[in-house]
Amino acid sequence: VQLQASGGGLVQAGDSLRLSCVASGRTFGAYAWFRQAPGKEREFVAASSWRGEKKEYADSVKGRFTISRGNRDNTMYLRMNSLKPEDTAVYYCAARANWAPRSTIYAWWGQGTQVTVSS
């Protein structure tokens, strides 16, 4: 199983960015995005069941970020709008075999992609 994240970069506050994560090797029941800022613990950002009928967001990103998946492939996305400097972090995609509400336990992880938001 492999998860390959991409799409990070340096943007200004208020800009948008879309992260991608290509998953391969098996089918999944749910996927998520987490992030880790320097000196802080990794935190949950958003999660979705594989077919998209269930979604969850951290309060800090609700209304600004959207988690989704391509209709025909195993590419997962995190659309980030109205970015703030406090969104600066390494973002990780993750997947698990089944949907579990508010879970932070995921079996498979991508390598992370850096997002830096300047003020």
N, C-alpha and C. Protein backbone atom coordinates (compact mmCIF):
# COMPACT_ATOMS: atom_id res chain seq x y z
N VAL A 1 0.85 -1.19 0.00
CA VAL A 1 0.00 0.00 0.00
C VAL A 1 0.89 1.24 0.00
N GLN A 2 0.53 2.19 -0.86
CA GLN A 2 1.28 3.45 -0.92
C GLN A 2 0.33 4.64 -1.00
N LEU A 3 0.68 5.69 -0.28
CA LEU A 3 -0.02 6.96 -0.37
C LEU A 3 1.03 8.02 -0.69
N GLN A 4 0.79 8.75 -1.76
CA GLN A 4 1.76 9.75 -2.22
C GLN A 4 1.08 11.11 -2.25
N ALA A 5 1.49 11.97 -1.33
CA ALA A 5 0.89 13.31 -1.23
C ALA A 5 1.70 14.32 -2.02
N SER A 6 1.00 15.33 -2.52
CA SER A 6 1.66 16.41 -3.26
C SER A 6 0.77 17.65 -3.23
N GLY A 7 1.31 18.76 -3.74
CA GLY A 7 0.51 19.96 -3.88
C GLY A 7 0.80 21.07 -2.90
N GLY A 8 1.68 20.81 -1.95
CA GLY A 8 2.01 21.86 -0.99
C GLY A 8 2.82 22.97 -1.64
N GLY A 9 3.00 24.05 -0.88
CA GLY A 9 3.77 25.15 -1.41
C GLY A 9 3.72 26.35 -0.49
N LEU A 10 4.28 27.45 -0.98
CA LEU A 10 4.28 28.72 -0.25
C LEU A 10 3.23 29.63 -0.86
N VAL A 11 2.29 30.06 -0.04
CA VAL A 11 1.22 30.95 -0.51
C VAL A 11 1.05 32.09 0.47
N GLN A 12 0.26 33.06 0.07
CA GLN A 12 -0.03 34.19 0.95
C GLN A 12 -1.36 33.98 1.65
N ALA A 13 -1.54 34.64 2.75
CA ALA A 13 -2.80 34.57 3.49
C ALA A 13 -3.94 34.97 2.57
N GLY A 14 -5.02 34.18 2.62
CA GLY A 14 -6.17 34.42 1.77
C GLY A 14 -6.17 33.62 0.50
N ASP A 15 -5.04 33.04 0.14
CA ASP A 15 -4.93 32.23 -1.07
C ASP A 15 -5.56 30.86 -0.88
N SER A 16 -5.64 30.13 -1.98
CA SER A 16 -6.16 28.77 -1.97
C SER A 16 -5.08 27.80 -2.45
N LEU A 17 -5.25 26.55 -2.06
CA LEU A 17 -4.31 25.51 -2.45
C LEU A 17 -5.06 24.18 -2.44
N ARG A 18 -4.70 23.28 -3.33
CA ARG A 18 -5.31 21.96 -3.33
C ARG A 18 -4.22 20.90 -3.19
N LEU A 19 -4.35 20.11 -2.15
CA LEU A 19 -3.44 18.99 -1.94
C LEU A 19 -4.03 17.73 -2.58
N SER A 20 -3.15 16.88 -3.08
CA SER A 20 -3.57 15.62 -3.68
C SER A 20 -2.84 14.47 -2.99
N CYS A 21 -3.46 13.32 -3.01
CA CYS A 21 -2.84 12.12 -2.45
C CYS A 21 -3.30 10.93 -3.27
N VAL A 22 -2.38 10.27 -3.93
CA VAL A 22 -2.70 9.10 -4.75
C VAL A 22 -2.48 7.86 -3.91
N ALA A 23 -3.50 7.05 -3.79
CA ALA A 23 -3.43 5.82 -3.01
C ALA A 23 -3.43 4.61 -3.93
N SER A 24 -2.69 3.61 -3.56
CA SER A 24 -2.64 2.39 -4.36
C SER A 24 -2.37 1.19 -3.47
N GLY A 25 -2.71 0.01 -3.95
CA GLY A 25 -2.37 -1.22 -3.27
C GLY A 25 -3.54 -1.97 -2.66
N ARG A 26 -4.65 -1.29 -2.43
CA ARG A 26 -5.83 -1.96 -1.89
C ARG A 26 -7.00 -0.99 -1.91
N THR A 27 -8.14 -1.47 -1.52
CA THR A 27 -9.31 -0.60 -1.35
C THR A 27 -9.36 -0.10 0.09
N PHE A 28 -10.00 1.03 0.28
CA PHE A 28 -10.06 1.66 1.59
C PHE A 28 -11.50 1.96 1.97
N GLY A 29 -11.73 2.13 3.26
CA GLY A 29 -13.05 2.50 3.74
C GLY A 29 -13.17 3.96 4.10
N ALA A 30 -12.03 4.57 4.38
CA ALA A 30 -12.04 5.98 4.78
C ALA A 30 -10.66 6.57 4.56
N TYR A 31 -10.62 7.89 4.43
CA TYR A 31 -9.35 8.57 4.29
C TYR A 31 -9.42 9.90 5.02
N ALA A 32 -8.26 10.47 5.25
CA ALA A 32 -8.23 11.70 6.06
C ALA A 32 -6.98 12.51 5.75
N TRP A 33 -7.02 13.73 6.22
CA TRP A 33 -5.85 14.61 6.20
C TRP A 33 -5.55 15.04 7.63
N PHE A 34 -4.28 15.03 7.96
CA PHE A 34 -3.79 15.52 9.23
C PHE A 34 -2.70 16.56 8.93
N ARG A 35 -2.32 17.30 9.95
CA ARG A 35 -1.23 18.24 9.77
C ARG A 35 -0.43 18.36 11.06
N GLN A 36 0.82 18.76 10.89
CA GLN A 36 1.70 18.95 12.04
C GLN A 36 2.52 20.20 11.82
N ALA A 37 2.33 21.16 12.71
CA ALA A 37 3.09 22.40 12.67
C ALA A 37 4.36 22.24 13.51
N PRO A 38 5.37 23.05 13.26
CA PRO A 38 6.62 22.93 14.03
C PRO A 38 6.38 23.07 15.52
N GLY A 39 6.90 22.13 16.28
CA GLY A 39 6.77 22.18 17.73
C GLY A 39 5.42 21.77 18.27
N LYS A 40 4.55 21.31 17.40
CA LYS A 40 3.20 20.92 17.84
C LYS A 40 2.94 19.47 17.49
N GLU A 41 1.93 18.91 18.13
CA GLU A 41 1.54 17.55 17.83
C GLU A 41 0.74 17.51 16.53
N ARG A 42 0.75 16.34 15.92
CA ARG A 42 -0.06 16.16 14.73
C ARG A 42 -1.53 16.31 15.08
N GLU A 43 -2.30 16.98 14.23
CA GLU A 43 -3.71 17.19 14.51
C GLU A 43 -4.57 16.80 13.31
N PHE A 44 -5.78 16.39 13.63
CA PHE A 44 -6.75 16.02 12.63
C PHE A 44 -7.23 17.25 11.87
N VAL A 45 -7.41 17.11 10.55
CA VAL A 45 -7.91 18.19 9.73
C VAL A 45 -9.29 17.83 9.16
N ALA A 46 -9.37 16.72 8.46
CA ALA A 46 -10.63 16.33 7.82
C ALA A 46 -10.59 14.85 7.52
N ALA A 47 -11.78 14.24 7.46
CA ALA A 47 -11.89 12.82 7.12
C ALA A 47 -13.14 12.60 6.29
N SER A 48 -13.11 11.54 5.53
CA SER A 48 -14.26 11.19 4.69
C SER A 48 -14.36 9.69 4.55
N SER A 49 -15.58 9.17 4.51
CA SER A 49 -15.76 7.79 4.10
C SER A 49 -15.38 7.69 2.62
N TRP A 50 -15.08 6.48 2.19
CA TRP A 50 -14.53 6.36 0.84
C TRP A 50 -15.49 6.85 -0.24
N ARG A 51 -16.77 6.62 -0.04
CA ARG A 51 -17.74 7.05 -1.04
C ARG A 51 -18.22 8.48 -0.80
N GLY A 52 -17.79 9.07 0.29
CA GLY A 52 -18.07 10.49 0.50
C GLY A 52 -19.36 10.82 1.21
N GLU A 53 -20.09 9.82 1.69
CA GLU A 53 -21.38 10.12 2.32
C GLU A 53 -21.21 10.63 3.76
N LYS A 54 -20.05 10.43 4.33
CA LYS A 54 -19.78 10.89 5.69
C LYS A 54 -18.49 11.70 5.67
N LYS A 55 -18.54 12.88 6.27
CA LYS A 55 -17.36 13.73 6.33
C LYS A 55 -17.29 14.43 7.67
N GLU A 56 -16.07 14.71 8.09
CA GLU A 56 -15.84 15.42 9.33
C GLU A 56 -14.72 16.43 9.12
N TYR A 57 -14.81 17.54 9.84
CA TYR A 57 -13.79 18.57 9.75
C TYR A 57 -13.42 19.07 11.15
N ALA A 58 -12.18 19.44 11.31
CA ALA A 58 -11.77 20.13 12.52
C ALA A 58 -12.45 21.51 12.53
N ASP A 59 -12.77 21.99 13.70
CA ASP A 59 -13.44 23.29 13.81
C ASP A 59 -12.61 24.40 13.17
N SER A 60 -11.30 24.27 13.26
CA SER A 60 -10.41 25.33 12.76
C SER A 60 -10.43 25.47 11.25
N VAL A 61 -10.91 24.45 10.53
CA VAL A 61 -10.91 24.51 9.06
C VAL A 61 -12.30 24.43 8.47
N LYS A 62 -13.29 24.21 9.31
CA LYS A 62 -14.66 24.05 8.81
C LYS A 62 -15.10 25.29 8.04
N GLY A 63 -15.65 25.08 6.87
CA GLY A 63 -16.07 26.20 6.03
C GLY A 63 -15.00 26.70 5.10
N ARG A 64 -13.75 26.33 5.34
CA ARG A 64 -12.64 26.78 4.49
C ARG A 64 -12.03 25.63 3.70
N PHE A 65 -11.98 24.44 4.28
CA PHE A 65 -11.37 23.28 3.65
C PHE A 65 -12.44 22.30 3.21
N THR A 66 -12.16 21.60 2.12
CA THR A 66 -13.07 20.58 1.61
C THR A 66 -12.29 19.32 1.27
N ILE A 67 -12.73 18.20 1.82
CA ILE A 67 -12.10 16.92 1.52
C ILE A 67 -12.93 16.22 0.45
N SER A 68 -12.27 15.59 -0.51
CA SER A 68 -12.99 14.92 -1.58
C SER A 68 -12.10 13.86 -2.22
N ARG A 69 -12.69 13.13 -3.12
CA ARG A 69 -11.94 12.09 -3.83
C ARG A 69 -12.37 12.08 -5.29
N GLY A 70 -11.45 11.78 -6.16
CA GLY A 70 -11.78 11.67 -7.57
C GLY A 70 -12.79 10.56 -7.81
N ASN A 71 -13.69 10.76 -8.77
CA ASN A 71 -14.76 9.80 -9.01
C ASN A 71 -14.25 8.49 -9.58
N ARG A 72 -13.18 8.55 -10.33
CA ARG A 72 -12.76 7.37 -11.08
C ARG A 72 -11.41 6.81 -10.65
N ASP A 73 -10.85 7.41 -9.62
CA ASP A 73 -9.54 6.90 -9.23
C ASP A 73 -9.37 7.00 -7.73
N ASN A 74 -8.21 6.64 -7.27
CA ASN A 74 -7.92 6.66 -5.85
C ASN A 74 -7.16 7.92 -5.44
N THR A 75 -7.48 9.04 -6.07
CA THR A 75 -6.83 10.28 -5.69
C THR A 75 -7.71 11.02 -4.70
N MET A 76 -7.13 11.38 -3.58
CA MET A 76 -7.83 12.10 -2.53
C MET A 76 -7.37 13.55 -2.56
N TYR A 77 -8.26 14.46 -2.25
CA TYR A 77 -7.94 15.87 -2.32
C TYR A 77 -8.28 16.58 -1.01
N LEU A 78 -7.57 17.68 -0.78
CA LEU A 78 -7.93 18.62 0.28
C LEU A 78 -7.86 20.01 -0.33
N ARG A 79 -9.01 20.58 -0.56
CA ARG A 79 -9.08 21.93 -1.09
C ARG A 79 -9.07 22.90 0.09
N MET A 80 -8.12 23.83 0.07
CA MET A 80 -7.95 24.76 1.18
C MET A 80 -8.14 26.17 0.67
N ASN A 81 -9.17 26.83 1.16
CA ASN A 81 -9.46 28.21 0.79
C ASN A 81 -9.20 29.14 1.97
N SER A 82 -9.07 30.41 1.69
CA SER A 82 -8.89 31.43 2.73
C SER A 82 -7.80 31.02 3.72
N LEU A 83 -6.67 30.64 3.21
CA LEU A 83 -5.60 30.14 4.06
C LEU A 83 -5.09 31.21 5.01
N LYS A 84 -4.71 30.77 6.20
CA LYS A 84 -4.20 31.65 7.24
C LYS A 84 -2.79 31.21 7.62
N PRO A 85 -2.00 32.11 8.19
CA PRO A 85 -0.65 31.71 8.63
C PRO A 85 -0.67 30.53 9.59
N GLU A 86 -1.70 30.42 10.40
CA GLU A 86 -1.78 29.30 11.35
C GLU A 86 -2.08 27.97 10.67
N ASP A 87 -2.36 27.98 9.38
CA ASP A 87 -2.51 26.74 8.63
C ASP A 87 -1.16 26.17 8.20
N THR A 88 -0.10 26.90 8.43
CA THR A 88 1.23 26.43 8.07
C THR A 88 1.57 25.14 8.81
N ALA A 89 1.92 24.10 8.05
CA ALA A 89 2.20 22.80 8.63
C ALA A 89 2.61 21.84 7.53
N VAL A 90 3.09 20.68 7.94
CA VAL A 90 3.23 19.56 7.01
C VAL A 90 1.91 18.80 7.03
N TYR A 91 1.35 18.60 5.86
CA TYR A 91 0.06 17.94 5.74
C TYR A 91 0.26 16.49 5.29
N TYR A 92 -0.43 15.59 5.96
CA TYR A 92 -0.33 14.16 5.69
C TYR A 92 -1.69 13.60 5.29
N CYS A 93 -1.69 12.77 4.26
CA CYS A 93 -2.89 12.01 3.96
C CYS A 93 -2.79 10.65 4.64
N ALA A 94 -3.93 10.07 4.92
CA ALA A 94 -3.98 8.78 5.60
C ALA A 94 -5.21 8.02 5.16
N ALA A 95 -5.17 6.71 5.31
CA ALA A 95 -6.31 5.88 4.92
C ALA A 95 -6.45 4.72 5.89
N ARG A 96 -7.66 4.20 5.96
CA ARG A 96 -7.94 3.06 6.82
C ARG A 96 -8.96 2.17 6.15
N ALA A 97 -9.19 1.00 6.72
CA ALA A 97 -10.05 0.01 6.07
C ALA A 97 -11.53 0.32 6.21
N ASN A 98 -11.90 1.03 7.28
CA ASN A 98 -13.32 1.28 7.49
C ASN A 98 -13.51 2.67 8.09
N TRP A 99 -14.70 3.18 7.97
CA TRP A 99 -15.03 4.50 8.52
C TRP A 99 -15.20 4.40 10.04
N ALA A 100 -14.58 5.32 10.74
CA ALA A 100 -14.72 5.38 12.19
C ALA A 100 -14.80 6.84 12.59
N PRO A 101 -15.96 7.31 13.03
CA PRO A 101 -16.12 8.74 13.34
C PRO A 101 -15.10 9.23 14.37
N ARG A 102 -14.51 10.37 14.09
CA ARG A 102 -13.58 11.06 14.98
C ARG A 102 -12.34 10.22 15.31
N SER A 103 -12.05 9.24 14.49
CA SER A 103 -10.86 8.42 14.74
C SER A 103 -9.60 9.12 14.26
N THR A 104 -8.53 8.95 15.00
CA THR A 104 -7.21 9.43 14.57
C THR A 104 -6.28 8.25 14.28
N ILE A 105 -6.83 7.06 14.29
CA ILE A 105 -6.03 5.86 14.05
C ILE A 105 -6.20 5.42 12.61
N TYR A 106 -5.15 5.59 11.84
CA TYR A 106 -5.14 5.23 10.44
C TYR A 106 -3.96 4.31 10.16
N ALA A 107 -4.20 3.27 9.35
CA ALA A 107 -3.18 2.25 9.13
C ALA A 107 -2.13 2.68 8.13
N TRP A 108 -2.52 3.52 7.18
CA TRP A 108 -1.60 3.88 6.10
C TRP A 108 -1.47 5.39 6.00
N TRP A 109 -0.23 5.84 5.78
CA TRP A 109 0.08 7.26 5.78
C TRP A 109 0.93 7.63 4.58
N GLY A 110 0.70 8.83 4.07
CA GLY A 110 1.56 9.40 3.05
C GLY A 110 2.76 10.08 3.69
N GLN A 111 3.65 10.59 2.86
CA GLN A 111 4.92 11.11 3.35
C GLN A 111 4.84 12.56 3.80
N GLY A 112 3.77 13.27 3.53
CA GLY A 112 3.65 14.65 3.96
C GLY A 112 4.05 15.64 2.89
N THR A 113 3.36 16.77 2.88
CA THR A 113 3.69 17.84 1.96
C THR A 113 3.58 19.16 2.71
N GLN A 114 4.57 20.03 2.53
CA GLN A 114 4.67 21.25 3.31
C GLN A 114 3.77 22.34 2.75
N VAL A 115 3.01 22.95 3.62
CA VAL A 115 2.20 24.12 3.27
C VAL A 115 2.65 25.27 4.15
N THR A 116 3.06 26.36 3.53
CA THR A 116 3.50 27.54 4.26
C THR A 116 2.66 28.73 3.81
N VAL A 117 2.03 29.38 4.78
CA VAL A 117 1.17 30.53 4.49
C VAL A 117 1.81 31.77 5.10
N SER A 118 2.16 32.70 4.27
CA SER A 118 2.78 33.94 4.75
C SER A 118 1.72 34.99 4.99
N SER A 119 2.00 35.87 5.94
CA SER A 119 1.02 36.91 6.29
C SER A 119 1.22 38.16 5.46
